[in-house]
């Protein structure tokens, strides 16, 4: 990805509320442990990623990470940012809870969210 195209923020989607306070080292999901990297998304990718992998939950949380703080340990693979390492309270700018009604798609529930920004 070209330097000019790098986002200011990337996002970690989590199915449960993050711990408070956020730890210095965030607990890795089983998927991230097995794959050897932290799965992240850009602002544009979050809604469709949620539709694909989180359609079994009515509530989820999204962590906003400042990309410049994890850039050195990240790789763009298949168009997605992957963090080969970990993140924690120093990299997370904020967290947002999202909810959807019944069969509503996440992409519909998240439409127009000011939280998701590049």
PDB file of N, CA and C in Angstrom:
ATOM      1  N   UNK A   1       0.841  -1.167   0.000  1.00  0.00           N
ATOM      2  CA  UNK A   1       0.000   0.000   0.000  1.00  0.00           C
ATOM      3  C   UNK A   1       0.891   1.237   0.000  1.00  0.00           C
ATOM      4  N   UNK A   2       0.548   2.212  -0.849  1.00  0.00           N
ATOM      5  CA  UNK A   2       1.328   3.441  -0.950  1.00  0.00           C
ATOM      6  C   UNK A   2       1.236   4.246   0.343  1.00  0.00           C
ATOM      7  N   UNK A   3       2.315   4.949   0.647  1.00  0.00           N
ATOM      8  CA  UNK A   3       2.379   5.739   1.872  1.00  0.00           C
ATOM      9  C   UNK A   3       1.215   6.726   1.981  1.00  0.00           C
ATOM     10  N   UNK A   4       0.837   7.342   0.860  1.00  0.00           N
ATOM     11  CA  UNK A   4      -0.274   8.296   0.868  1.00  0.00           C
ATOM     12  C   UNK A   4      -1.614   7.638   1.172  1.00  0.00           C
ATOM     13  N   UNK A   5      -1.713   6.335   0.917  1.00  0.00           N
ATOM     14  CA  UNK A   5      -2.965   5.613   1.101  1.00  0.00           C
ATOM     15  C   UNK A   5      -3.136   5.031   2.508  1.00  0.00           C
ATOM     16  N   UNK A   6      -2.102   5.111   3.328  1.00  0.00           N
ATOM     17  CA  UNK A   6      -2.185   4.511   4.659  1.00  0.00           C
ATOM     18  C   UNK A   6      -3.212   5.234   5.510  1.00  0.00           C
ATOM     19  N   UNK A   7      -4.054   4.468   6.204  1.00  0.00           N
ATOM     20  CA  UNK A   7      -5.080   5.109   7.033  1.00  0.00           C
ATOM     21  C   UNK A   7      -4.492   5.648   8.336  1.00  0.00           C
ATOM     22  N   UNK A   8      -5.172   6.601   8.913  1.00  0.00           N
ATOM     23  CA  UNK A   8      -4.780   7.107  10.233  1.00  0.00           C
ATOM     24  C   UNK A   8      -5.153   6.079  11.301  1.00  0.00           C
ATOM     25  N   UNK A   9      -6.299   5.398  11.076  1.00  0.00           N
ATOM     26  CA  UNK A   9      -6.800   4.425  12.049  1.00  0.00           C
ATOM     27  C   UNK A   9      -7.070   3.071  11.391  1.00  0.00           C
ATOM     28  N   UNK A  10      -6.893   2.022  12.178  1.00  0.00           N
ATOM     29  CA  UNK A  10      -7.346   0.677  11.828  1.00  0.00           C
ATOM     30  C   UNK A  10      -8.154   0.173  13.013  1.00  0.00           C
ATOM     31  N   UNK A  11      -8.907  -0.894  12.800  1.00  0.00           N
ATOM     32  CA  UNK A  11      -9.903  -1.307  13.786  1.00  0.00           C
ATOM     33  C   UNK A  11      -9.813  -2.790  14.110  1.00  0.00           C
ATOM     34  N   UNK A  12     -10.035  -3.091  15.375  1.00  0.00           N
ATOM     35  CA  UNK A  12     -10.132  -4.469  15.852  1.00  0.00           C
ATOM     36  C   UNK A  12     -11.572  -4.690  16.299  1.00  0.00           C
ATOM     37  N   UNK A  13     -12.225  -5.672  15.692  1.00  0.00           N
ATOM     38  CA  UNK A  13     -13.610  -6.008  16.028  1.00  0.00           C
ATOM     39  C   UNK A  13     -13.577  -7.083  17.101  1.00  0.00           C
ATOM     40  N   UNK A  14     -14.324  -6.865  18.176  1.00  0.00           N
ATOM     41  CA  UNK A  14     -14.356  -7.847  19.264  1.00  0.00           C
ATOM     42  C   UNK A  14     -15.811  -8.132  19.656  1.00  0.00           C
ATOM     43  N   UNK A  15     -16.113  -9.378  20.001  1.00  0.00           N
ATOM     44  CA  UNK A  15     -17.504  -9.743  20.293  1.00  0.00           C
ATOM     45  C   UNK A  15     -17.969  -9.430  21.714  1.00  0.00           C
ATOM     46  N   UNK A  16     -17.064  -9.023  22.581  1.00  0.00           N
ATOM     47  CA  UNK A  16     -17.428  -8.704  23.961  1.00  0.00           C
ATOM     48  C   UNK A  16     -16.785  -7.378  24.363  1.00  0.00           C
ATOM     49  N   UNK A  17     -17.278  -6.789  25.426  1.00  0.00           N
ATOM     50  CA  UNK A  17     -16.734  -5.514  25.891  1.00  0.00           C
ATOM     51  C   UNK A  17     -15.250  -5.650  26.217  1.00  0.00           C
ATOM     52  N   UNK A  18     -14.459  -4.649  25.868  1.00  0.00           N
ATOM     53  CA  UNK A  18     -13.036  -4.709  26.215  1.00  0.00           C
ATOM     54  C   UNK A  18     -12.844  -4.551  27.716  1.00  0.00           C
ATOM     55  N   UNK A  19     -11.761  -5.109  28.233  1.00  0.00           N
ATOM     56  CA  UNK A  19     -11.504  -4.943  29.668  1.00  0.00           C
ATOM     57  C   UNK A  19     -11.238  -3.477  30.004  1.00  0.00           C
ATOM     58  N   UNK A  20     -11.653  -3.088  31.206  1.00  0.00           N
ATOM     59  CA  UNK A  20     -11.401  -1.721  31.681  1.00  0.00           C
ATOM     60  C   UNK A  20     -10.616  -1.783  32.969  1.00  0.00           C
ATOM     61  N   UNK A  21      -9.521  -1.100  33.062  1.00  0.00           N
ATOM     62  CA  UNK A  21      -8.895  -0.349  31.985  1.00  0.00           C
ATOM     63  C   UNK A  21      -8.267  -1.293  30.960  1.00  0.00           C
ATOM     64  N   UNK A  22      -7.996  -0.763  29.786  1.00  0.00           N
ATOM     65  CA  UNK A  22      -7.331  -1.569  28.765  1.00  0.00           C
ATOM     66  C   UNK A  22      -5.939  -1.946  29.247  1.00  0.00           C
ATOM     67  N   UNK A  23      -5.555  -3.197  29.069  1.00  0.00           N
ATOM     68  CA  UNK A  23      -4.217  -3.610  29.497  1.00  0.00           C
ATOM     69  C   UNK A  23      -3.144  -3.138  28.511  1.00  0.00           C
ATOM     70  N   UNK A  24      -1.905  -3.159  28.955  1.00  0.00           N
ATOM     71  CA  UNK A  24      -0.773  -2.807  28.090  1.00  0.00           C
ATOM     72  C   UNK A  24      -0.675  -3.790  26.928  1.00  0.00           C
ATOM     73  N   UNK A  25      -1.012  -5.051  27.171  1.00  0.00           N
ATOM     74  CA  UNK A  25      -1.031  -6.100  26.144  1.00  0.00           C
ATOM     75  C   UNK A  25      -2.444  -6.662  26.093  1.00  0.00           C
ATOM     76  N   UNK A  26      -3.143  -6.427  24.988  1.00  0.00           N
ATOM     77  CA  UNK A  26      -4.523  -6.890  24.854  1.00  0.00           C
ATOM     78  C   UNK A  26      -4.547  -8.411  24.717  1.00  0.00           C
ATOM     79  N   UNK A  27      -5.486  -9.114  25.370  1.00  0.00           N
ATOM     80  CA  UNK A  27      -5.555 -10.570  25.232  1.00  0.00           C
ATOM     81  C   UNK A  27      -5.937 -10.945  23.787  1.00  0.00           C
ATOM     82  N   UNK A  28      -5.117 -11.776  23.178  1.00  0.00           N
ATOM     83  CA  UNK A  28      -5.361 -12.182  21.796  1.00  0.00           C
ATOM     84  C   UNK A  28      -6.502 -13.185  21.703  1.00  0.00           C
ATOM     85  N   UNK A  29      -7.286 -13.058  20.639  1.00  0.00           N
ATOM     86  CA  UNK A  29      -8.351 -14.028  20.390  1.00  0.00           C
ATOM     87  C   UNK A  29      -7.733 -15.360  19.954  1.00  0.00           C
ATOM     88  N   UNK A  30      -8.517 -16.404  20.029  1.00  0.00           N
ATOM     89  CA  UNK A  30      -8.045 -17.723  19.594  1.00  0.00           C
ATOM     90  C   UNK A  30      -7.649 -17.678  18.117  1.00  0.00           C
ATOM     91  N   UNK A  31      -8.446 -17.003  17.295  1.00  0.00           N
ATOM     92  CA  UNK A  31      -8.148 -16.876  15.866  1.00  0.00           C
ATOM     93  C   UNK A  31      -6.812 -16.172  15.655  1.00  0.00           C
ATOM     94  N   UNK A  32      -6.597 -15.067  16.353  1.00  0.00           N
ATOM     95  CA  UNK A  32      -5.341 -14.328  16.211  1.00  0.00           C
ATOM     96  C   UNK A  32      -4.154 -15.161  16.681  1.00  0.00           C
ATOM     97  N   UNK A  33      -4.327 -15.895  17.775  1.00  0.00           N
ATOM     98  CA  UNK A  33      -3.260 -16.771  18.255  1.00  0.00           C
ATOM     99  C   UNK A  33      -2.934 -17.841  17.223  1.00  0.00           C
ATOM    100  N   UNK A  34      -3.965 -18.479  16.679  1.00  0.00           N
ATOM    101  CA  UNK A  34      -3.765 -19.551  15.698  1.00  0.00           C
ATOM    102  C   UNK A  34      -3.141 -19.048  14.401  1.00  0.00           C
ATOM    103  N   UNK A  35      -3.538 -17.861  13.943  1.00  0.00           N
ATOM    104  CA  UNK A  35      -3.032 -17.332  12.679  1.00  0.00           C
ATOM    105  C   UNK A  35      -1.682 -16.637  12.820  1.00  0.00           C
ATOM    106  N   UNK A  36      -1.293 -16.291  14.049  1.00  0.00           N
ATOM    107  CA  UNK A  36       0.005 -15.670  14.281  1.00  0.00           C
ATOM    108  C   UNK A  36       0.032 -14.171  14.044  1.00  0.00           C
ATOM    109  N   UNK A  37      -1.133 -13.555  13.908  1.00  0.00           N
ATOM    110  CA  UNK A  37      -1.222 -12.117  13.747  1.00  0.00           C
ATOM    111  C   UNK A  37      -2.590 -11.640  14.210  1.00  0.00           C
ATOM    112  N   UNK A  38      -2.694 -10.354  14.487  1.00  0.00           N
ATOM    113  CA  UNK A  38      -3.956  -9.740  14.900  1.00  0.00           C
ATOM    114  C   UNK A  38      -4.690  -9.282  13.642  1.00  0.00           C
ATOM    115  N   UNK A  39      -5.900  -9.782  13.465  1.00  0.00           N
ATOM    116  CA  UNK A  39      -6.745  -9.402  12.338  1.00  0.00           C
ATOM    117  C   UNK A  39      -7.301  -7.999  12.580  1.00  0.00           C
ATOM    118  N   UNK A  40      -7.056  -7.096  11.652  1.00  0.00           N
ATOM    119  CA  UNK A  40      -7.543  -5.732  11.744  1.00  0.00           C
ATOM    120  C   UNK A  40      -8.309  -5.382  10.475  1.00  0.00           C
ATOM    121  N   UNK A  41      -9.018  -4.275  10.495  1.00  0.00           N
ATOM    122  CA  UNK A  41      -9.778  -3.812   9.337  1.00  0.00           C
ATOM    123  C   UNK A  41      -9.622  -2.316   9.195  1.00  0.00           C
ATOM    124  N   UNK A  42      -9.810  -1.832   7.975  1.00  0.00           N
ATOM    125  CA  UNK A  42      -9.895  -0.398   7.748  1.00  0.00           C
ATOM    126  C   UNK A  42     -11.325   0.028   8.046  1.00  0.00           C
ATOM    127  N   UNK A  43     -11.570   1.331   8.087  1.00  0.00           N
ATOM    128  CA  UNK A  43     -12.918   1.838   8.353  1.00  0.00           C
ATOM    129  C   UNK A  43     -13.917   1.293   7.337  1.00  0.00           C
ATOM    130  N   UNK A  44     -13.524   1.239   6.066  1.00  0.00           N
ATOM    131  CA  UNK A  44     -14.420   0.746   5.023  1.00  0.00           C
ATOM    132  C   UNK A  44     -14.700  -0.749   5.172  1.00  0.00           C
ATOM    133  N   UNK A  45     -13.743  -1.497   5.700  1.00  0.00           N
ATOM    134  CA  UNK A  45     -13.870  -2.954   5.807  1.00  0.00           C
ATOM    135  C   UNK A  45     -14.676  -3.412   7.018  1.00  0.00           C
ATOM    136  N   UNK A  46     -14.761  -2.588   8.061  1.00  0.00           N
ATOM    137  CA  UNK A  46     -15.409  -3.010   9.309  1.00  0.00           C
ATOM    138  C   UNK A  46     -16.838  -3.524   9.089  1.00  0.00           C
ATOM    139  N   UNK A  47     -17.740  -2.782   8.447  1.00  0.00           N
ATOM    140  CA  UNK A  47     -19.126  -3.273   8.319  1.00  0.00           C
ATOM    141  C   UNK A  47     -19.242  -4.615   7.580  1.00  0.00           C
ATOM    142  N   UNK A  48     -18.530  -4.774   6.472  1.00  0.00           N
ATOM    143  CA  UNK A  48     -18.638  -6.034   5.730  1.00  0.00           C
ATOM    144  C   UNK A  48     -17.957  -7.181   6.475  1.00  0.00           C
ATOM    145  N   UNK A  49     -16.865  -6.886   7.190  1.00  0.00           N
ATOM    146  CA  UNK A  49     -16.224  -7.923   8.014  1.00  0.00           C
ATOM    147  C   UNK A  49     -17.183  -8.378   9.105  1.00  0.00           C
ATOM    148  N   UNK A  50     -17.893  -7.436   9.709  1.00  0.00           N
ATOM    149  CA  UNK A  50     -18.884  -7.784  10.735  1.00  0.00           C
ATOM    150  C   UNK A  50     -20.011  -8.625  10.138  1.00  0.00           C
ATOM    151  N   UNK A  51     -20.476  -8.255   8.938  1.00  0.00           N
ATOM    152  CA  UNK A  51     -21.527  -9.040   8.270  1.00  0.00           C
ATOM    153  C   UNK A  51     -21.069 -10.474   8.022  1.00  0.00           C
ATOM    154  N   UNK A  52     -19.804 -10.651   7.656  1.00  0.00           N
ATOM    155  CA  UNK A  52     -19.287 -11.990   7.337  1.00  0.00           C
ATOM    156  C   UNK A  52     -19.001 -12.848   8.571  1.00  0.00           C
ATOM    157  N   UNK A  53     -18.430 -12.238   9.600  1.00  0.00           N
ATOM    158  CA  UNK A  53     -17.912 -13.039  10.713  1.00  0.00           C
ATOM    159  C   UNK A  53     -18.597 -12.833  12.057  1.00  0.00           C
ATOM    160  N   UNK A  54     -19.502 -11.855  12.161  1.00  0.00           N
ATOM    161  CA  UNK A  54     -20.144 -11.578  13.441  1.00  0.00           C
ATOM    162  C   UNK A  54     -21.663 -11.532  13.318  1.00  0.00           C
ATOM    163  N   UNK A  55     -22.207 -12.279  12.346  1.00  0.00           N
ATOM    164  CA  UNK A  55     -23.663 -12.256  12.140  1.00  0.00           C
ATOM    165  C   UNK A  55     -24.413 -13.038  13.204  1.00  0.00           C
ATOM    166  N   UNK A  56     -23.715 -13.698  14.112  1.00  0.00           N
ATOM    167  CA  UNK A  56     -24.339 -14.481  15.180  1.00  0.00           C
ATOM    168  C   UNK A  56     -24.521 -13.676  16.475  1.00  0.00           C
ATOM    169  N   UNK A  57     -24.054 -12.414  16.490  1.00  0.00           N
ATOM    170  CA  UNK A  57     -24.187 -11.597  17.696  1.00  0.00           C
ATOM    171  C   UNK A  57     -24.996 -10.337  17.404  1.00  0.00           C
ATOM    172  N   UNK A  58     -25.680  -9.833  18.433  1.00  0.00           N
ATOM    173  CA  UNK A  58     -26.484  -8.620  18.287  1.00  0.00           C
ATOM    174  C   UNK A  58     -25.720  -7.376  18.735  1.00  0.00           C
ATOM    175  N   UNK A  59     -24.663  -7.575  19.504  1.00  0.00           N
ATOM    176  CA  UNK A  59     -23.833  -6.475  19.985  1.00  0.00           C
ATOM    177  C   UNK A  59     -22.373  -6.835  19.757  1.00  0.00           C
ATOM    178  N   UNK A  60     -21.578  -5.844  19.440  1.00  0.00           N
ATOM    179  CA  UNK A  60     -20.132  -6.037  19.368  1.00  0.00           C
ATOM    180  C   UNK A  60     -19.448  -4.709  19.621  1.00  0.00           C
ATOM    181  N   UNK A  61     -18.155  -4.766  19.797  1.00  0.00           N
ATOM    182  CA  UNK A  61     -17.351  -3.581  20.085  1.00  0.00           C
ATOM    183  C   UNK A  61     -16.270  -3.481  19.026  1.00  0.00           C
ATOM    184  N   UNK A  62     -15.903  -2.263  18.747  1.00  0.00           N
ATOM    185  CA  UNK A  62     -14.845  -2.007  17.783  1.00  0.00           C
ATOM    186  C   UNK A  62     -13.825  -1.095  18.459  1.00  0.00           C
ATOM    187  N   UNK A  63     -12.563  -1.521  18.417  1.00  0.00           N
ATOM    188  CA  UNK A  63     -11.469  -0.728  18.970  1.00  0.00           C
ATOM    189  C   UNK A  63     -10.807   0.045  17.840  1.00  0.00           C
ATOM    190  N   UNK A  64     -10.569   1.330  18.054  1.00  0.00           N
ATOM    191  CA  UNK A  64      -9.897   2.179  17.063  1.00  0.00           C
ATOM    192  C   UNK A  64      -8.434   2.306  17.473  1.00  0.00           C
ATOM    193  N   UNK A  65      -7.538   1.873  16.594  1.00  0.00           N
ATOM    194  CA  UNK A  65      -6.105   1.934  16.860  1.00  0.00           C
ATOM    195  C   UNK A  65      -5.441   2.953  15.941  1.00  0.00           C
ATOM    196  N   UNK A  66      -4.494   3.691  16.484  1.00  0.00           N
ATOM    197  CA  UNK A  66      -3.735   4.633  15.670  1.00  0.00           C
ATOM    198  C   UNK A  66      -2.696   3.842  14.878  1.00  0.00           C
ATOM    199  N   UNK A  67      -2.844   3.834  13.546  1.00  0.00           N
ATOM    200  CA  UNK A  67      -2.018   2.961  12.708  1.00  0.00           C
ATOM    201  C   UNK A  67      -0.533   3.258  12.809  1.00  0.00           C
ATOM    202  N   UNK A  68      -0.153   4.534  12.901  1.00  0.00           N
ATOM    203  CA  UNK A  68       1.260   4.883  12.942  1.00  0.00           C
ATOM    204  C   UNK A  68       1.983   4.180  14.106  1.00  0.00           C
ATOM    205  N   UNK A  69       1.267   3.897  15.183  1.00  0.00           N
ATOM    206  CA  UNK A  69       1.870   3.265  16.359  1.00  0.00           C
ATOM    207  C   UNK A  69       2.116   1.772  16.173  1.00  0.00           C
ATOM    208  N   UNK A  70       1.469   1.158  15.179  1.00  0.00           N
ATOM    209  CA  UNK A  70       1.661  -0.285  14.944  1.00  0.00           C
ATOM    210  C   UNK A  70       2.191  -0.574  13.542  1.00  0.00           C
ATOM    211  N   UNK A  71       2.419   0.472  12.772  1.00  0.00           N
ATOM    212  CA  UNK A  71       2.801   0.318  11.366  1.00  0.00           C
ATOM    213  C   UNK A  71       4.029  -0.569  11.169  1.00  0.00           C
ATOM    214  N   UNK A  72       5.055  -0.401  11.986  1.00  0.00           N
ATOM    215  CA  UNK A  72       6.300  -1.156  11.810  1.00  0.00           C
ATOM    216  C   UNK A  72       6.092  -2.661  11.950  1.00  0.00           C
ATOM    217  N   UNK A  73       5.110  -3.072  12.754  1.00  0.00           N
ATOM    218  CA  UNK A  73       4.852  -4.502  12.973  1.00  0.00           C
ATOM    219  C   UNK A  73       3.680  -5.015  12.138  1.00  0.00           C
ATOM    220  N   UNK A  74       3.202  -4.196  11.199  1.00  0.00           N
ATOM    221  CA  UNK A  74       2.029  -4.564  10.398  1.00  0.00           C
ATOM    222  C   UNK A  74       2.400  -4.873   8.960  1.00  0.00           C
ATOM    223  N   UNK A  75       1.581  -5.738   8.346  1.00  0.00           N
ATOM    224  CA  UNK A  75       1.702  -6.051   6.923  1.00  0.00           C
ATOM    225  C   UNK A  75       0.306  -5.976   6.317  1.00  0.00           C
ATOM    226  N   UNK A  76       0.238  -5.539   5.061  1.00  0.00           N
ATOM    227  CA  UNK A  76      -1.022  -5.524   4.318  1.00  0.00           C
ATOM    228  C   UNK A  76      -1.066  -6.805   3.503  1.00  0.00           C
ATOM    229  N   UNK A  77      -2.017  -7.668   3.832  1.00  0.00           N
ATOM    230  CA  UNK A  77      -2.137  -8.953   3.153  1.00  0.00           C
ATOM    231  C   UNK A  77      -3.585  -9.141   2.723  1.00  0.00           C
ATOM    232  N   UNK A  78      -3.787  -9.401   1.444  1.00  0.00           N
ATOM    233  CA  UNK A  78      -5.142  -9.552   0.932  1.00  0.00           C
ATOM    234  C   UNK A  78      -5.969  -8.298   1.098  1.00  0.00           C
ATOM    235  N   UNK A  79      -5.300  -7.153   1.185  1.00  0.00           N
ATOM    236  CA  UNK A  79      -5.997  -5.884   1.348  1.00  0.00           C
ATOM    237  C   UNK A  79      -6.345  -5.529   2.779  1.00  0.00           C
ATOM    238  N   UNK A  80      -5.983  -6.383   3.723  1.00  0.00           N
ATOM    239  CA  UNK A  80      -6.296  -6.154   5.135  1.00  0.00           C
ATOM    240  C   UNK A  80      -5.016  -5.914   5.932  1.00  0.00           C
ATOM    241  N   UNK A  81      -5.089  -5.051   6.950  1.00  0.00           N
ATOM    242  CA  UNK A  81      -3.936  -4.864   7.825  1.00  0.00           C
ATOM    243  C   UNK A  81      -3.852  -5.998   8.847  1.00  0.00           C
ATOM    244  N   UNK A  82      -2.671  -6.593   8.948  1.00  0.00           N
ATOM    245  CA  UNK A  82      -2.409  -7.648   9.927  1.00  0.00           C
ATOM    246  C   UNK A  82      -1.255  -7.193  10.810  1.00  0.00           C
ATOM    247  N   UNK A  83      -1.474  -7.250  12.106  1.00  0.00           N
ATOM    248  CA  UNK A  83      -0.463  -6.844  13.077  1.00  0.00           C
ATOM    249  C   UNK A  83       0.277  -8.080  13.577  1.00  0.00           C
ATOM    250  N   UNK A  84       1.568  -8.147  13.304  1.00  0.00           N
ATOM    251  CA  UNK A  84       2.408  -9.245  13.777  1.00  0.00           C
ATOM    252  C   UNK A  84       3.041  -8.806  15.092  1.00  0.00           C
ATOM    253  N   UNK A  85       2.274  -8.917  16.122  1.00  0.00           N
ATOM    254  CA  UNK A  85       2.646  -8.471  17.452  1.00  0.00           C
ATOM    255  C   UNK A  85       1.369  -8.292  18.245  1.00  0.00           C
ATOM    256  N   UNK A  86       1.332  -7.289  19.065  1.00  0.00           N
ATOM    257  CA  UNK A  86       0.134  -7.043  19.859  1.00  0.00           C
ATOM    258  C   UNK A  86      -0.068  -5.538  20.009  1.00  0.00           C
ATOM    259  N   UNK A  87      -1.153  -5.184  20.628  1.00  0.00           N
ATOM    260  CA  UNK A  87      -1.502  -3.797  20.883  1.00  0.00           C
ATOM    261  C   UNK A  87      -2.065  -3.725  22.283  1.00  0.00           C
ATOM    262  N   UNK A  88      -2.283  -2.534  22.750  1.00  0.00           N
ATOM    263  CA  UNK A  88      -2.850  -2.342  24.083  1.00  0.00           C
ATOM    264  C   UNK A  88      -3.257  -0.901  24.268  1.00  0.00           C
ATOM    265  N   UNK A  89      -3.267  -0.472  25.519  1.00  0.00           N
ATOM    266  CA  UNK A  89      -3.798   0.849  25.864  1.00  0.00           C
ATOM    267  C   UNK A  89      -3.071   1.989  25.156  1.00  0.00           C
ATOM    268  N   UNK A  90      -1.800   1.813  24.812  1.00  0.00           N
ATOM    269  CA  UNK A  90      -1.047   2.886  24.148  1.00  0.00           C
ATOM    270  C   UNK A  90      -1.476   3.089  22.703  1.00  0.00           C
ATOM    271  N   UNK A  91      -2.005   2.059  22.062  1.00  0.00           N
ATOM    272  CA  UNK A  91      -2.374   2.138  20.651  1.00  0.00           C
ATOM    273  C   UNK A  91      -3.860   2.385  20.427  1.00  0.00           C
ATOM    274  N   UNK A  92      -4.689   2.057  21.423  1.00  0.00           N
ATOM    275  CA  UNK A  92      -6.138   2.201  21.269  1.00  0.00           C
ATOM    276  C   UNK A  92      -6.549   3.634  21.577  1.00  0.00           C
ATOM    277  N   UNK A  93      -7.170   4.272  20.590  1.00  0.00           N
ATOM    278  CA  UNK A  93      -7.633   5.649  20.733  1.00  0.00           C
ATOM    279  C   UNK A  93      -8.980   5.673  21.441  1.00  0.00           C
ATOM    280  N   UNK A  94      -9.876   4.758  21.048  1.00  0.00           N
ATOM    281  CA  UNK A  94     -11.201   4.676  21.656  1.00  0.00           C
ATOM    282  C   UNK A  94     -11.871   3.362  21.290  1.00  0.00           C
ATOM    283  N   UNK A  95     -13.002   3.114  21.931  1.00  0.00           N
ATOM    284  CA  UNK A  95     -13.794   1.905  21.680  1.00  0.00           C
ATOM    285  C   UNK A  95     -15.247   2.326  21.524  1.00  0.00           C
ATOM    286  N   UNK A  96     -15.978   1.599  20.694  1.00  0.00           N
ATOM    287  CA  UNK A  96     -17.388   1.909  20.451  1.00  0.00           C
ATOM    288  C   UNK A  96     -18.188   0.612  20.435  1.00  0.00           C
ATOM    289  N   UNK A  97     -19.314   0.628  21.133  1.00  0.00           N
ATOM    290  CA  UNK A  97     -20.245  -0.497  21.091  1.00  0.00           C
ATOM    291  C   UNK A  97     -21.232  -0.262  19.948  1.00  0.00           C
ATOM    292  N   UNK A  98     -21.493  -1.309  19.195  1.00  0.00           N
ATOM    293  CA  UNK A  98     -22.500  -1.265  18.140  1.00  0.00           C
ATOM    294  C   UNK A  98     -23.540  -2.335  18.423  1.00  0.00           C
ATOM    295  N   UNK A  99     -24.787  -2.034  18.100  1.00  0.00           N
ATOM    296  CA  UNK A  99     -25.886  -2.994  18.274  1.00  0.00           C
ATOM    297  C   UNK A  99     -26.702  -3.018  16.991  1.00  0.00           C
ATOM    298  N   UNK A 100     -27.319  -4.155  16.752  1.00  0.00           N
ATOM    299  CA  UNK A 100     -28.202  -4.266  15.591  1.00  0.00           C
ATOM    300  C   UNK A 100     -29.492  -4.931  16.008  1.00  0.00           C
ATOM    301  N   UNK A 101     -30.541  -4.672  15.277  1.00  0.00           N
ATOM    302  CA  UNK A 101     -31.862  -5.214  15.598  1.00  0.00           C
ATOM    303  C   UNK A 101     -32.159  -6.433  14.738  1.00  0.00           C
ATOM    304  N   UNK A 102     -32.541  -7.540  15.381  1.00  0.00           N
ATOM    305  CA  UNK A 102     -32.996  -8.741  14.694  1.00  0.00           C
ATOM    306  C   UNK A 102     -32.121  -9.182  13.544  1.00  0.00           C
ATOM    307  N   UNK A 103     -32.666  -9.148  12.332  1.00  0.00           N
ATOM    308  CA  UNK A 103     -31.942  -9.618  11.153  1.00  0.00           C
ATOM    309  C   UNK A 103     -31.219  -8.488  10.416  1.00  0.00           C
ATOM    310  N   UNK A 104     -31.165  -7.318  11.027  1.00  0.00           N
ATOM    311  CA  UNK A 104     -30.463  -6.185  10.418  1.00  0.00           C
ATOM    312  C   UNK A 104     -29.000  -6.547  10.190  1.00  0.00           C
ATOM    313  N   UNK A 105     -28.476  -6.167   9.048  1.00  0.00           N
ATOM    314  CA  UNK A 105     -27.059  -6.406   8.762  1.00  0.00           C
ATOM    315  C   UNK A 105     -26.217  -5.371   9.509  1.00  0.00           C
ATOM    316  N   UNK A 106     -24.994  -5.763   9.860  1.00  0.00           N
ATOM    317  CA  UNK A 106     -24.083  -4.832  10.518  1.00  0.00           C
ATOM    318  C   UNK A 106     -23.820  -3.632   9.629  1.00  0.00           C
ATOM    319  N   UNK A 107     -23.712  -3.871   8.329  1.00  0.00           N
ATOM    320  CA  UNK A 107     -23.453  -2.755   7.414  1.00  0.00           C
ATOM    321  C   UNK A 107     -24.573  -1.715   7.479  1.00  0.00           C
ATOM    322  N   UNK A 108     -25.793  -2.149   7.740  1.00  0.00           N
ATOM    323  CA  UNK A 108     -26.910  -1.209   7.910  1.00  0.00           C
ATOM    324  C   UNK A 108     -26.829  -0.518   9.270  1.00  0.00           C
ATOM    325  N   UNK A 109     -26.531  -1.282  10.312  1.00  0.00           N
ATOM    326  CA  UNK A 109     -26.470  -0.732  11.670  1.00  0.00           C
ATOM    327  C   UNK A 109     -25.329   0.275  11.829  1.00  0.00           C
ATOM    328  N   UNK A 110     -24.250   0.099  11.071  1.00  0.00           N
ATOM    329  CA  UNK A 110     -23.072   0.967  11.195  1.00  0.00           C
ATOM    330  C   UNK A 110     -23.052   2.119  10.201  1.00  0.00           C
ATOM    331  N   UNK A 111     -23.999   2.131   9.300  1.00  0.00           N
ATOM    332  CA  UNK A 111     -24.034   3.141   8.238  1.00  0.00           C
ATOM    333  C   UNK A 111     -24.024   4.553   8.829  1.00  0.00           C
ATOM    334  N   UNK A 112     -23.105   5.361   8.346  1.00  0.00           N
ATOM    335  CA  UNK A 112     -23.029   6.752   8.783  1.00  0.00           C
ATOM    336  C   UNK A 112     -22.342   6.962  10.118  1.00  0.00           C
ATOM    337  N   UNK A 113     -21.749   5.921  10.689  1.00  0.00           N
ATOM    338  CA  UNK A 113     -21.084   6.071  11.982  1.00  0.00           C
ATOM    339  C   UNK A 113     -19.877   6.996  11.862  1.00  0.00           C
ATOM    340  N   UNK A 114     -19.834   8.009  12.714  1.00  0.00           N
ATOM    341  CA  UNK A 114     -18.695   8.929  12.711  1.00  0.00           C
ATOM    342  C   UNK A 114     -17.474   8.299  13.396  1.00  0.00           C
ATOM    343  N   UNK A 115     -17.688   7.193  14.094  1.00  0.00           N
ATOM    344  CA  UNK A 115     -16.586   6.496  14.764  1.00  0.00           C
ATOM    345  C   UNK A 115     -15.620   5.887  13.746  1.00  0.00           C
ATOM    346  N   UNK A 116     -16.183   5.378  12.646  1.00  0.00           N
ATOM    347  CA  UNK A 116     -15.361   4.719  11.621  1.00  0.00           C
ATOM    348  C   UNK A 116     -14.838   5.769  10.645  1.00  0.00           C
ATOM    349  N   UNK A 117     -13.568   6.098  10.822  1.00  0.00           N
ATOM    350  CA  UNK A 117     -12.938   7.099   9.967  1.00  0.00           C
ATOM    351  C   UNK A 117     -11.547   6.625   9.579  1.00  0.00           C
ATOM    352  N   UNK A 118     -11.103   7.095   8.447  1.00  0.00           N
ATOM    353  CA  UNK A 118      -9.747   6.752   8.018  1.00  0.00           C
ATOM    354  C   UNK A 118      -8.804   7.672   8.721  1.00  0.00           C
TER     355      UNK A 118
END
